[in-house]
Amino acid sequence: MGASLRALRALVLLAGFYLLGVILLAVLAGADYALVTWLHGPIVVKLLIVSVVLAVPIVRGLFMLRTPKGEPPAGVTVTEAQEPLLWQTVRDIAQQVGTRAPDEIVLIDEVNAAVGEDAGLLGLRSGTRRLYIGLPLMTGLDEMQLRAVLAHEMGHYANFDTRLTPLIARGRAQLIRTIGYLHERADNKVAKERAKQEKKDEKRIAKGKKAKGVDTAGEGAMYRAMAKIYMAYGNFYMRATLTTSRRQELAADLASVRIAGRDSAASALRELNALDSAHDFYMSSYATLGVGAGLLPRPGEVFGGLRRLLDARSDDLDDLRRELSTEPTSPYDSHPALAERVARIEALPDDGRSGQTARPALALLADADAALAALEQVVLTPEALALKRVDWEDLVHESMTAYVGKGAEEIREVFAAEGAGPGLAALLDAIDADPAVRWRIAERFPKSEQAAAATGRAAREFARPVVRRALNQLVTVELTARGAARWQLSWSDSAALRYQADGFEDQLDLALDAAVADLSDTEPLRKLVLAP
């Protein structure tokens, strides 16, 4: 379907929303005429008021002409003077695709690239074009894969998709707001009736009578019925526009194949699948690990550290590259299932460009580290920017030490409630004086249903690992405070506690086992941890 026909269909679908409103108003007007013609008296006035009230949300929907603009992604706008190679690459791709290059390039913090256009006259007049490129995206791709992604986005420009998007979005927004307003009016009517009946019940109870209870069945039914009419049209609207949207995505995929090659285009999509999950994991487990302890990695490393994770976990990412989703992310997602897109591309004939070598996509930037640092200044909140910046090794150690210390405070409170604590030495003294204190301490921690039902020796077997974990946490606090142990950063695994002395971990396991044995012996733990 050509751009003109797609534009016409989008206009017809949008007009359908307004036509639906006019039809509903006409139905209400016809009902009002019939009421005035056939009925007389106060009942007519009441029914006319109801009709007017029902017409209000329809009229509101008809005159909601402005589609609220979403906030654009926060990012760093780069000029051609700042990033000449990136701009040259983008212009080359635009020329190959056969479309006008963007007016602005914005670097963002997402694993994504997107295009936008401030089109006027319901999308019929071109406007400022913006290309959004995620630095995390560039971090995980090579240049040819990035070219494939950008060619896909430029394909939307060439097919006039960016101009039609506001037109389609306008219709969706009108439907959503009108349906929402109808449901809001229905909910308000139910709430008002509920409050009215509750007040009556209060008066009846005050007079010694039995309350009738609240019954709001049927309240707001007319509003909800009208909402269902709009929802039915909304489902038709979404299905009609969805088919076009998915065809646009497949057409844009062909543009990426033509520009970057079949294999680069397919591998870029596979890489995106892996990169998206890796980025989420990195941000939650590494970049923001120290926030609770008031720490952030060095400038440029909040987003730049992703490079280290990708290098260290390449085997894990291979699984994600192979395991592609066979379903769209939602029934109304404009993108077909990732597995379908990749299969379509890989089924194309070999174009002789397989195995082409390419430099990392970040090499297109004049100074990748500076760009990553600049992005932090725009994306992070003032509170985050004010946090202390440290090296990765120190961030992991200080953060884990702080978190384990906070957990130890809760453990000390439990011990103190049994008169055992607060420190490790005092706890061991309490165990020596009364070994049964260990099981009483375990009773204060959360338990599974099976553990709660256990008695006798079975109960002690459930309690033993609980006490052992608590002891181990206090030992960790003691050792890290003395510098005898340190949390070690690992990009391929979780942070691990490393001890200064060889064989210390094995000795500690034996000492903890002795402390929680039926015949407790705290001496090995004292010598290992508390001895000067």
Protein backbone atom coordinates (compact mmCIF):
# COMPACT_ATOMS: atom_id res chain seq x y z
CA MET A 1 0.00 0.00 0.00
CA GLY A 2 1.46 3.37 -1.05
CA ALA A 3 1.97 6.31 1.27
CA SER A 4 -1.05 8.17 -0.20
CA LEU A 5 -3.40 5.23 0.37
CA ARG A 6 -2.03 4.68 3.88
CA ALA A 7 -2.54 8.36 4.65
CA LEU A 8 -6.10 8.16 3.29
CA ARG A 9 -6.88 5.10 5.41
CA ALA A 10 -5.46 6.78 8.52
CA LEU A 11 -7.66 9.82 7.83
CA VAL A 12 -10.74 7.63 7.29
CA LEU A 13 -10.11 5.76 10.55
CA LEU A 14 -9.69 9.02 12.43
CA ALA A 15 -12.86 10.40 10.80
CA GLY A 16 -14.65 7.24 11.93
CA PHE A 17 -14.08 8.25 15.54
CA TYR A 18 -15.77 11.60 14.97
CA LEU A 19 -18.54 9.99 12.92
CA LEU A 20 -19.23 7.57 15.78
CA GLY A 21 -19.59 10.52 18.14
CA VAL A 22 -21.96 12.30 15.79
CA ILE A 23 -24.08 9.13 15.42
CA LEU A 24 -24.32 8.71 19.19
CA LEU A 25 -25.32 12.34 19.59
CA ALA A 26 -27.93 11.89 16.86
CA VAL A 27 -29.33 8.84 18.68
CA LEU A 28 -29.58 10.84 21.91
CA ALA A 29 -31.20 13.74 20.07
CA GLY A 30 -33.73 11.36 18.48
CA ALA A 31 -34.51 9.86 21.87
CA ASP A 32 -35.01 13.36 23.28
CA TYR A 33 -37.41 14.24 20.46
CA ALA A 34 -39.40 11.08 21.09
CA LEU A 35 -39.57 11.85 24.80
CA VAL A 36 -40.86 15.36 24.25
CA THR A 37 -43.39 14.10 21.67
CA TRP A 38 -44.84 11.18 23.62
CA LEU A 39 -44.35 12.07 27.29
CA HIS A 40 -45.30 15.01 29.47
CA GLY A 41 -44.59 16.21 32.97
CA PRO A 42 -41.55 16.28 35.29
CA ILE A 43 -40.31 12.89 34.06
CA VAL A 44 -39.48 14.43 30.68
CA VAL A 45 -37.24 17.05 32.28
CA LYS A 46 -35.37 14.39 34.27
CA LEU A 47 -34.81 12.21 31.19
CA LEU A 48 -33.61 15.19 29.17
CA ILE A 49 -31.09 16.01 31.90
CA VAL A 50 -29.84 12.40 31.77
CA SER A 51 -29.48 12.70 27.99
CA VAL A 52 -27.46 15.91 28.29
CA VAL A 53 -25.20 14.35 30.92
CA LEU A 54 -24.58 11.36 28.63
CA ALA A 55 -23.76 13.68 25.73
CA VAL A 56 -21.05 15.56 27.66
CA PRO A 57 -18.27 12.91 27.34
CA ILE A 58 -19.09 12.44 23.64
CA VAL A 59 -18.78 16.15 22.96
CA ARG A 60 -15.59 16.30 25.00
CA GLY A 61 -14.12 13.52 22.86
CA LEU A 62 -15.07 15.32 19.66
CA PHE A 63 -13.34 18.52 20.71
CA MET A 64 -10.17 16.97 22.13
CA LEU A 65 -8.29 18.01 19.02
CA ARG A 66 -4.84 18.27 20.52
CA THR A 67 -2.98 15.00 20.97
CA PRO A 68 -0.81 15.26 24.10
CA LYS A 69 2.84 15.02 23.13
CA GLY A 70 4.93 12.48 24.99
CA GLU A 71 8.16 13.55 26.56
CA PRO A 72 11.07 12.88 24.18
CA PRO A 73 13.86 10.67 25.58
CA ALA A 74 16.43 12.60 27.58
CA GLY A 75 19.73 12.68 25.76
CA VAL A 76 22.65 14.62 24.36
CA THR A 77 22.12 16.34 21.02
CA VAL A 78 25.36 16.16 19.03
CA THR A 79 26.29 18.42 16.15
CA GLU A 80 28.19 17.46 13.02
CA ALA A 81 31.19 19.38 14.33
CA GLN A 82 31.19 17.30 17.52
CA GLU A 83 30.61 13.89 15.89
CA PRO A 84 31.62 14.16 12.19
CA LEU A 85 32.03 10.41 11.57
CA LEU A 86 28.66 9.52 13.10
CA TRP A 87 26.92 12.23 11.09
CA GLN A 88 28.68 11.11 7.91
CA THR A 89 27.54 7.54 8.52
CA VAL A 90 23.95 8.62 9.11
CA ARG A 91 23.94 10.80 5.97
CA ASP A 92 25.36 7.93 3.89
CA ILE A 93 22.64 5.59 5.11
CA ALA A 94 19.91 8.17 4.46
CA GLN A 95 21.20 8.65 0.91
CA GLN A 96 21.28 4.89 0.28
CA VAL A 97 17.77 4.47 1.64
CA GLY A 98 16.60 7.42 -0.46
CA THR A 99 15.36 9.80 2.18
CA ARG A 100 16.26 13.11 3.81
CA ALA A 101 18.77 12.80 6.66
CA PRO A 102 17.64 13.77 10.17
CA ASP A 103 18.06 17.35 11.33
CA GLU A 104 19.22 16.27 14.80
CA ILE A 105 20.98 13.27 16.31
CA VAL A 106 20.35 12.64 20.00
CA LEU A 107 22.36 10.12 22.05
CA ILE A 108 20.18 8.42 24.67
CA ASP A 109 20.61 5.83 27.45
CA GLU A 110 18.52 3.03 25.93
CA VAL A 111 19.18 -0.13 23.95
CA ASN A 112 17.26 1.38 21.11
CA ALA A 113 17.30 3.58 18.05
CA ALA A 114 14.26 5.53 16.96
CA VAL A 115 13.18 8.25 14.57
CA GLY A 116 10.72 11.06 15.09
CA GLU A 117 9.37 13.89 13.01
CA ASP A 118 7.49 17.02 14.06
CA ALA A 119 5.10 16.70 11.14
CA GLY A 120 2.31 19.25 10.70
CA LEU A 121 -1.17 19.23 9.17
CA LEU A 122 -2.09 15.87 10.67
CA GLY A 123 1.22 14.42 9.47
CA LEU A 124 0.87 15.61 5.89
CA ARG A 125 3.60 18.27 6.10
CA SER A 126 7.20 17.32 6.88
CA GLY A 127 8.93 18.76 9.94
CA THR A 128 12.08 18.51 12.02
CA ARG A 129 13.50 15.00 11.95
CA ARG A 130 15.31 13.52 14.93
CA LEU A 131 17.30 10.33 15.15
CA TYR A 132 17.71 8.87 18.63
CA ILE A 133 20.63 6.47 19.10
CA GLY A 134 21.24 4.64 22.38
CA LEU A 135 24.82 4.55 23.60
CA PRO A 136 24.14 1.14 25.24
CA LEU A 137 23.00 0.01 21.78
CA MET A 138 26.25 1.20 20.20
CA THR A 139 28.17 -0.49 23.01
CA GLY A 140 26.90 -3.92 22.00
CA LEU A 141 26.98 -3.65 18.20
CA ASP A 142 29.64 -3.42 15.55
CA GLU A 143 29.48 -0.76 12.85
CA MET A 144 27.69 -2.91 10.24
CA GLN A 145 25.09 -4.03 12.77
CA LEU A 146 24.51 -0.41 13.75
CA ARG A 147 24.18 0.52 10.07
CA ALA A 148 21.50 -2.18 9.78
CA VAL A 149 19.59 -0.76 12.74
CA LEU A 150 19.86 2.82 11.47
CA ALA A 151 18.86 1.76 7.95
CA HIS A 152 15.72 0.20 9.46
CA GLU A 153 14.90 3.51 11.14
CA MET A 154 15.66 5.51 7.98
CA GLY A 155 13.33 3.14 6.15
CA HIS A 156 10.49 4.60 8.24
CA TYR A 157 11.40 8.06 6.93
CA ALA A 158 11.49 6.82 3.34
CA ASN A 159 8.07 5.15 3.67
CA PHE A 160 6.59 8.30 5.30
CA ASP A 161 5.83 6.21 8.42
CA THR A 162 7.02 9.02 10.71
CA ARG A 163 4.51 11.39 9.16
CA LEU A 164 1.61 8.96 9.50
CA THR A 165 2.46 8.00 13.08
CA PRO A 166 1.03 11.24 14.61
CA LEU A 167 -2.17 10.76 12.61
CA ILE A 168 -2.63 7.18 13.86
CA ALA A 169 -1.60 8.19 17.38
CA ARG A 170 -4.21 10.96 17.37
CA GLY A 171 -7.03 8.49 16.76
CA ARG A 172 -5.73 6.12 19.44
CA ALA A 173 -5.41 8.97 21.95
CA GLN A 174 -8.95 10.22 21.23
CA LEU A 175 -10.41 6.76 21.77
CA ILE A 176 -8.43 6.10 24.95
CA ARG A 177 -9.33 9.46 26.49
CA THR A 178 -13.04 9.20 25.62
CA ILE A 179 -13.29 5.64 26.98
CA GLY A 180 -11.40 6.69 30.10
CA TYR A 181 -13.69 9.65 30.66
CA LEU A 182 -16.82 7.48 30.30
CA HIS A 183 -15.47 4.99 32.84
CA GLU A 184 -14.52 7.86 35.14
CA ARG A 185 -18.06 9.23 35.03
CA ALA A 186 -19.45 5.74 35.73
CA ASP A 187 -17.12 5.27 38.70
CA ASN A 188 -18.03 8.70 40.08
CA LYS A 189 -21.72 7.86 39.81
CA VAL A 190 -21.18 4.59 41.68
CA ALA A 191 -19.13 6.35 44.37
CA LYS A 192 -21.77 9.05 44.81
CA GLU A 193 -24.56 6.49 45.12
CA ARG A 194 -22.48 4.42 47.55
CA ALA A 195 -21.83 7.44 49.77
CA LYS A 196 -25.54 8.33 49.66
CA GLN A 197 -26.63 4.83 50.71
CA GLU A 198 -23.97 4.59 53.42
CA LYS A 199 -25.17 7.89 54.88
CA LYS A 200 -28.75 6.58 54.93
CA ASP A 201 -27.59 3.40 56.68
CA GLU A 202 -25.78 5.47 59.30
CA LYS A 203 -29.00 7.33 60.04
CA ARG A 204 -30.94 4.07 60.26
CA ILE A 205 -28.39 2.58 62.67
CA ALA A 206 -28.49 5.76 64.77
CA LYS A 207 -32.26 5.27 65.10
CA GLY A 208 -31.75 1.66 66.14
CA LYS A 209 -32.88 0.23 62.83
CA LYS A 210 -31.15 -2.37 60.71
CA ALA A 211 -28.98 -1.12 57.84
CA LYS A 212 -30.17 -2.02 54.37
CA GLY A 213 -26.65 -2.36 53.01
CA VAL A 214 -25.14 -0.83 49.90
CA ASP A 215 -26.35 -1.84 46.45
CA THR A 216 -24.89 0.09 43.49
CA ALA A 217 -25.85 -2.43 40.82
CA GLY A 218 -26.85 -0.67 37.64
CA GLU A 219 -25.27 2.65 38.57
CA GLY A 220 -23.22 4.10 35.72
CA ALA A 221 -24.52 1.41 33.36
CA MET A 222 -25.28 3.88 30.57
CA TYR A 223 -21.74 5.31 30.71
CA ARG A 224 -20.22 1.84 30.60
CA ALA A 225 -22.48 0.82 27.72
CA MET A 226 -21.32 3.84 25.71
CA ALA A 227 -17.71 3.03 26.63
CA LYS A 228 -18.20 -0.47 25.20
CA ILE A 229 -19.29 1.04 21.88
CA TYR A 230 -16.11 3.10 21.72
CA MET A 231 -14.04 0.09 22.81
CA ALA A 232 -15.50 -1.97 19.97
CA TYR A 233 -14.46 0.71 17.48
CA GLY A 234 -11.12 0.99 19.26
CA ASN A 235 -10.44 -2.72 18.75
CA PHE A 236 -11.28 -2.35 15.06
CA TYR A 237 -9.06 0.75 14.83
CA MET A 238 -6.11 -1.01 16.48
CA ARG A 239 -6.42 -4.09 14.26
CA ALA A 240 -6.69 -1.96 11.12
CA THR A 241 -3.63 0.14 11.94
CA LEU A 242 -1.67 -2.79 13.33
CA THR A 243 -1.53 -4.62 10.01
CA THR A 244 -0.07 -1.56 8.32
CA SER A 245 2.36 -0.93 11.16
CA ARG A 246 3.76 -4.46 10.99
CA ARG A 247 4.13 -4.28 7.23
CA GLN A 248 6.06 -1.04 7.71
CA GLU A 249 8.43 -2.80 10.10
CA LEU A 250 9.06 -5.64 7.65
CA ALA A 251 9.65 -3.14 4.84
CA ALA A 252 12.13 -1.28 7.04
CA ASP A 253 13.90 -4.60 7.72
CA LEU A 254 14.43 -5.00 3.97
CA ALA A 255 16.06 -1.57 3.90
CA SER A 256 18.49 -2.70 6.60
CA VAL A 257 19.35 -5.80 4.55
CA ARG A 258 19.97 -3.72 1.43
CA ILE A 259 22.28 -1.32 3.25
CA ALA A 260 24.18 -3.57 5.68
CA GLY A 261 23.78 -7.04 4.24
CA ARG A 262 21.65 -10.03 5.15
CA ASP A 263 23.89 -11.43 7.85
CA SER A 264 24.56 -8.09 9.56
CA ALA A 265 20.85 -7.27 9.60
CA ALA A 266 19.93 -10.64 11.11
CA SER A 267 22.75 -10.61 13.63
CA ALA A 268 21.80 -7.07 14.68
CA LEU A 269 18.31 -8.26 15.63
CA ARG A 270 19.71 -11.25 17.50
CA GLU A 271 22.17 -8.97 19.28
CA LEU A 272 19.38 -6.59 20.27
CA ASN A 273 17.56 -9.45 21.98
CA ALA A 274 20.63 -10.31 24.06
CA LEU A 275 21.71 -6.73 24.62
CA ASP A 276 18.37 -5.62 26.01
CA SER A 277 18.44 -8.27 28.77
CA ALA A 278 22.14 -7.72 29.45
CA HIS A 279 21.62 -3.98 29.83
CA ASP A 280 18.74 -4.40 32.30
CA PHE A 281 20.84 -6.83 34.35
CA TYR A 282 23.86 -4.54 34.23
CA MET A 283 21.96 -1.46 35.37
CA SER A 284 20.33 -3.23 38.33
CA SER A 285 23.25 -5.41 39.43
CA TYR A 286 26.27 -3.23 38.67
CA ALA A 287 25.62 0.41 37.71
CA THR A 288 23.18 1.07 40.57
CA LEU A 289 24.61 -1.46 43.04
CA GLY A 290 26.10 1.25 45.23
CA VAL A 291 23.20 3.71 45.26
CA GLY A 292 21.94 2.43 48.61
CA ALA A 293 25.42 3.01 50.01
CA GLY A 294 25.68 6.48 48.46
CA LEU A 295 28.02 5.40 45.65
CA LEU A 296 28.20 5.47 41.86
CA PRO A 297 30.95 4.31 39.49
CA ARG A 298 33.37 6.85 38.04
CA PRO A 299 32.05 9.37 35.47
CA GLY A 300 31.38 7.65 32.17
CA GLU A 301 31.14 4.23 33.80
CA VAL A 302 27.45 4.30 34.76
CA PHE A 303 26.67 3.37 31.17
CA GLY A 304 30.21 2.59 30.01
CA GLY A 305 30.70 -0.39 32.34
CA LEU A 306 28.33 -2.38 30.15
CA ARG A 307 31.28 -3.07 27.84
CA ARG A 308 33.00 -5.11 30.56
CA LEU A 309 29.89 -7.17 31.27
CA LEU A 310 29.37 -8.00 27.59
CA ASP A 311 32.97 -9.15 27.25
CA ALA A 312 32.83 -11.33 30.36
CA ARG A 313 29.46 -12.99 29.72
CA SER A 314 29.64 -13.70 26.00
CA ASP A 315 28.68 -17.36 26.49
CA ASP A 316 25.53 -16.43 28.40
CA LEU A 317 24.61 -13.93 25.70
CA ASP A 318 24.93 -16.61 23.01
CA ASP A 319 21.88 -18.34 24.49
CA LEU A 320 19.88 -15.11 24.30
CA ARG A 321 20.96 -14.60 20.70
CA ARG A 322 19.52 -17.99 19.82
CA GLU A 323 16.34 -17.84 21.91
CA LEU A 324 14.13 -15.36 20.06
CA SER A 325 10.56 -14.53 21.00
CA THR A 326 7.95 -16.13 18.76
CA GLU A 327 5.20 -13.74 19.89
CA PRO A 328 4.95 -9.93 19.75
CA THR A 329 5.51 -8.21 23.10
CA SER A 330 1.79 -7.27 23.12
CA PRO A 331 -1.21 -7.89 20.82
CA TYR A 332 -0.91 -4.31 19.60
CA ASP A 333 2.86 -4.10 19.25
CA SER A 334 3.71 -2.64 15.84
CA HIS A 335 6.73 -4.96 15.57
CA PRO A 336 6.17 -8.55 14.41
CA ALA A 337 7.66 -11.29 16.59
CA LEU A 338 11.45 -11.11 16.62
CA ALA A 339 11.78 -14.73 15.52
CA GLU A 340 9.59 -14.00 12.48
CA ARG A 341 11.65 -10.96 11.49
CA VAL A 342 14.95 -12.82 11.77
CA ALA A 343 13.59 -15.85 9.89
CA ARG A 344 12.40 -13.63 7.02
CA ILE A 345 15.82 -12.00 6.74
CA GLU A 346 17.84 -15.21 7.01
CA ALA A 347 15.64 -16.82 4.35
CA LEU A 348 16.78 -14.23 1.80
CA PRO A 349 19.43 -15.28 -0.78
CA ASP A 350 23.08 -14.95 0.19
CA ASP A 351 24.24 -11.48 -0.85
CA GLY A 352 27.94 -12.25 -0.63
CA ARG A 353 28.48 -9.99 2.37
CA SER A 354 28.71 -12.65 5.07
CA GLY A 355 31.71 -12.57 7.35
CA GLN A 356 32.49 -8.91 6.72
CA THR A 357 34.62 -7.46 9.51
CA ALA A 358 33.61 -4.24 11.18
CA ARG A 359 34.93 -2.05 13.97
CA PRO A 360 32.91 -1.50 17.17
CA ALA A 361 30.04 0.96 16.71
CA LEU A 362 31.44 3.16 19.49
CA ALA A 363 34.41 3.84 17.19
CA LEU A 364 32.09 6.12 15.21
CA LEU A 365 32.21 8.58 18.13
CA ALA A 366 35.01 11.11 18.45
CA ASP A 367 35.41 10.26 22.14
CA ALA A 368 33.17 7.47 23.41
CA ASP A 369 34.19 7.93 27.05
CA ALA A 370 33.39 11.65 26.91
CA ALA A 371 30.01 10.92 25.29
CA LEU A 372 29.15 8.39 28.00
CA ALA A 373 30.10 10.87 30.72
CA ALA A 374 28.08 13.66 29.07
CA LEU A 375 25.02 11.41 28.89
CA GLU A 376 25.16 10.88 32.65
CA GLN A 377 24.90 14.63 33.22
CA VAL A 378 21.67 14.75 31.23
CA VAL A 379 20.00 11.49 32.29
CA LEU A 380 20.86 11.10 35.98
CA THR A 381 18.97 13.03 38.62
CA PRO A 382 20.73 15.76 40.65
CA GLU A 383 20.60 13.44 43.66
CA ALA A 384 22.36 10.67 41.74
CA LEU A 385 24.98 13.05 40.36
CA ALA A 386 25.76 14.16 43.90
CA LEU A 387 26.71 10.61 45.02
CA LYS A 388 30.33 9.73 45.69
CA ARG A 389 32.16 8.34 42.64
CA VAL A 390 34.56 5.42 43.14
CA ASP A 391 36.33 2.73 41.12
CA TRP A 392 34.42 -0.47 40.40
CA GLU A 393 36.48 -2.53 42.86
CA ASP A 394 35.85 -0.08 45.70
CA LEU A 395 32.19 0.30 44.74
CA VAL A 396 31.54 -3.42 45.03
CA HIS A 397 33.46 -3.80 48.30
CA GLU A 398 32.02 -0.75 50.02
CA SER A 399 28.47 -1.44 48.82
CA MET A 400 28.45 -5.08 49.87
CA THR A 401 30.06 -4.20 53.19
CA ALA A 402 27.34 -1.61 53.82
CA TYR A 403 24.51 -3.97 52.89
CA VAL A 404 25.85 -6.87 54.95
CA GLY A 405 26.32 -4.44 57.84
CA LYS A 406 22.69 -3.34 57.65
CA GLY A 407 21.58 -6.97 57.64
CA ALA A 408 23.79 -7.63 60.65
CA GLU A 409 22.03 -4.86 62.58
CA GLU A 410 18.75 -6.75 62.30
CA ILE A 411 20.48 -9.94 63.43
CA ARG A 412 21.99 -8.17 66.43
CA GLU A 413 18.52 -7.00 67.45
CA VAL A 414 17.32 -10.60 67.43
CA PHE A 415 20.31 -11.71 69.49
CA ALA A 416 19.85 -8.86 71.94
CA ALA A 417 16.25 -9.92 72.54
CA GLU A 418 17.65 -13.22 73.84
CA GLY A 419 20.38 -11.49 75.82
CA ALA A 420 23.04 -12.64 73.39
CA GLY A 421 25.02 -9.84 71.83
CA PRO A 422 25.35 -7.40 70.34
CA GLY A 423 28.82 -8.36 69.09
CA LEU A 424 30.20 -11.69 67.93
CA ALA A 425 32.23 -12.23 71.10
CA ALA A 426 29.22 -11.63 73.35
CA LEU A 427 27.15 -14.00 71.24
CA LEU A 428 29.72 -16.77 71.54
CA ASP A 429 29.82 -16.18 75.32
CA ALA A 430 26.03 -16.57 75.45
CA ILE A 431 26.22 -19.83 73.47
CA ASP A 432 28.88 -21.21 75.82
CA ALA A 433 26.73 -20.28 78.84
CA ASP A 434 23.52 -21.73 77.37
CA PRO A 435 23.75 -23.64 74.07
CA ALA A 436 19.93 -23.73 73.84
CA VAL A 437 19.95 -19.98 73.19
CA ARG A 438 20.78 -20.83 69.60
CA TRP A 439 17.42 -22.51 69.05
CA ARG A 440 15.54 -19.71 70.79
CA ILE A 441 17.28 -17.24 68.51
CA ALA A 442 16.23 -19.26 65.46
CA GLU A 443 12.62 -19.06 66.63
CA ARG A 444 12.70 -15.29 66.12
CA PHE A 445 13.50 -15.56 62.41
CA PRO A 446 10.85 -16.20 59.72
CA LYS A 447 10.17 -19.89 59.16
CA SER A 448 8.60 -22.02 56.47
CA GLU A 449 5.38 -23.90 57.25
CA GLN A 450 7.33 -27.15 57.47
CA ALA A 451 9.86 -25.65 59.88
CA ALA A 452 7.10 -24.14 62.03
CA ALA A 453 5.39 -27.53 62.34
CA ALA A 454 8.59 -29.40 63.26
CA THR A 455 9.39 -30.40 66.86
CA GLY A 456 12.30 -31.92 68.73
CA ARG A 457 15.37 -32.87 66.71
CA ALA A 458 13.62 -32.07 63.44
CA ALA A 459 13.08 -28.50 64.66
CA ARG A 460 16.78 -28.20 65.54
CA GLU A 461 17.75 -29.36 62.04
CA PHE A 462 15.66 -26.55 60.59
CA ALA A 463 17.10 -24.06 63.10
CA ARG A 464 20.75 -25.03 62.64
CA PRO A 465 21.32 -23.42 59.17
CA VAL A 466 19.45 -20.32 60.33
CA VAL A 467 21.83 -19.79 63.23
CA ARG A 468 24.82 -20.66 61.05
CA ARG A 469 23.90 -18.02 58.46
CA ALA A 470 23.46 -15.41 61.18
CA LEU A 471 26.85 -16.27 62.70
CA ASN A 472 28.48 -16.15 59.27
CA GLN A 473 27.06 -12.68 58.63
CA LEU A 474 28.51 -11.38 61.90
CA VAL A 475 31.83 -12.99 61.03
CA THR A 476 31.79 -11.24 57.63
CA VAL A 477 31.21 -7.88 59.31
CA GLU A 478 34.04 -8.55 61.73
CA LEU A 479 36.51 -9.62 59.03
CA THR A 480 35.75 -6.81 56.58
CA ALA A 481 36.03 -4.24 59.35
CA ARG A 482 39.54 -5.52 60.17
CA GLY A 483 40.58 -5.74 56.52
CA ALA A 484 40.93 -9.53 56.74
CA ALA A 485 38.36 -10.04 53.98
CA ARG A 486 37.27 -8.04 50.96
CA TRP A 487 34.39 -8.23 48.51
CA GLN A 488 35.75 -8.87 45.05
CA LEU A 489 34.22 -7.62 41.81
CA SER A 490 33.41 -10.17 39.11
CA TRP A 491 31.95 -9.31 35.72
CA SER A 492 31.17 -12.94 34.98
CA ASP A 493 29.63 -13.91 38.33
CA SER A 494 28.29 -12.49 41.57
CA ALA A 495 30.56 -10.56 43.93
CA ALA A 496 32.43 -12.93 46.23
CA LEU A 497 34.13 -12.51 49.60
CA ARG A 498 37.87 -13.13 49.40
CA TYR A 499 39.99 -13.85 52.48
CA GLN A 500 43.61 -12.85 52.92
CA ALA A 501 44.83 -16.23 54.18
CA ASP A 502 44.88 -19.33 52.01
CA GLY A 503 42.56 -22.07 53.21
CA PHE A 504 40.71 -19.63 55.50
CA GLU A 505 37.31 -20.39 53.97
CA ASP A 506 37.59 -24.12 54.68
CA GLN A 507 38.62 -23.44 58.26
CA LEU A 508 35.71 -21.03 58.70
CA ASP A 509 33.22 -23.64 57.46
CA LEU A 510 34.49 -26.12 60.05
CA ALA A 511 34.41 -23.51 62.84
CA LEU A 512 30.82 -22.51 62.03
CA ASP A 513 29.76 -26.16 61.93
CA ALA A 514 31.29 -26.65 65.38
CA ALA A 515 29.46 -23.63 66.80
CA VAL A 516 26.04 -24.92 65.72
CA ALA A 517 26.64 -28.62 66.48
CA ASP A 518 24.50 -30.34 69.12
CA LEU A 519 27.55 -30.22 71.42
CA SER A 520 28.57 -26.69 70.55
CA ASP A 521 32.23 -25.66 70.49
CA THR A 522 32.88 -21.95 69.89
CA GLU A 523 36.64 -22.13 70.44
CA PRO A 524 37.61 -22.72 66.77
CA LEU A 525 35.57 -19.67 65.74
CA ARG A 526 37.12 -17.52 68.48
CA LYS A 527 40.64 -18.45 67.46
CA LEU A 528 39.99 -17.99 63.77
CA VAL A 529 38.12 -14.68 63.87
CA LEU A 530 38.57 -12.97 67.23
CA ALA A 531 42.15 -13.86 68.09
CA PRO A 532 44.54 -10.88 67.66
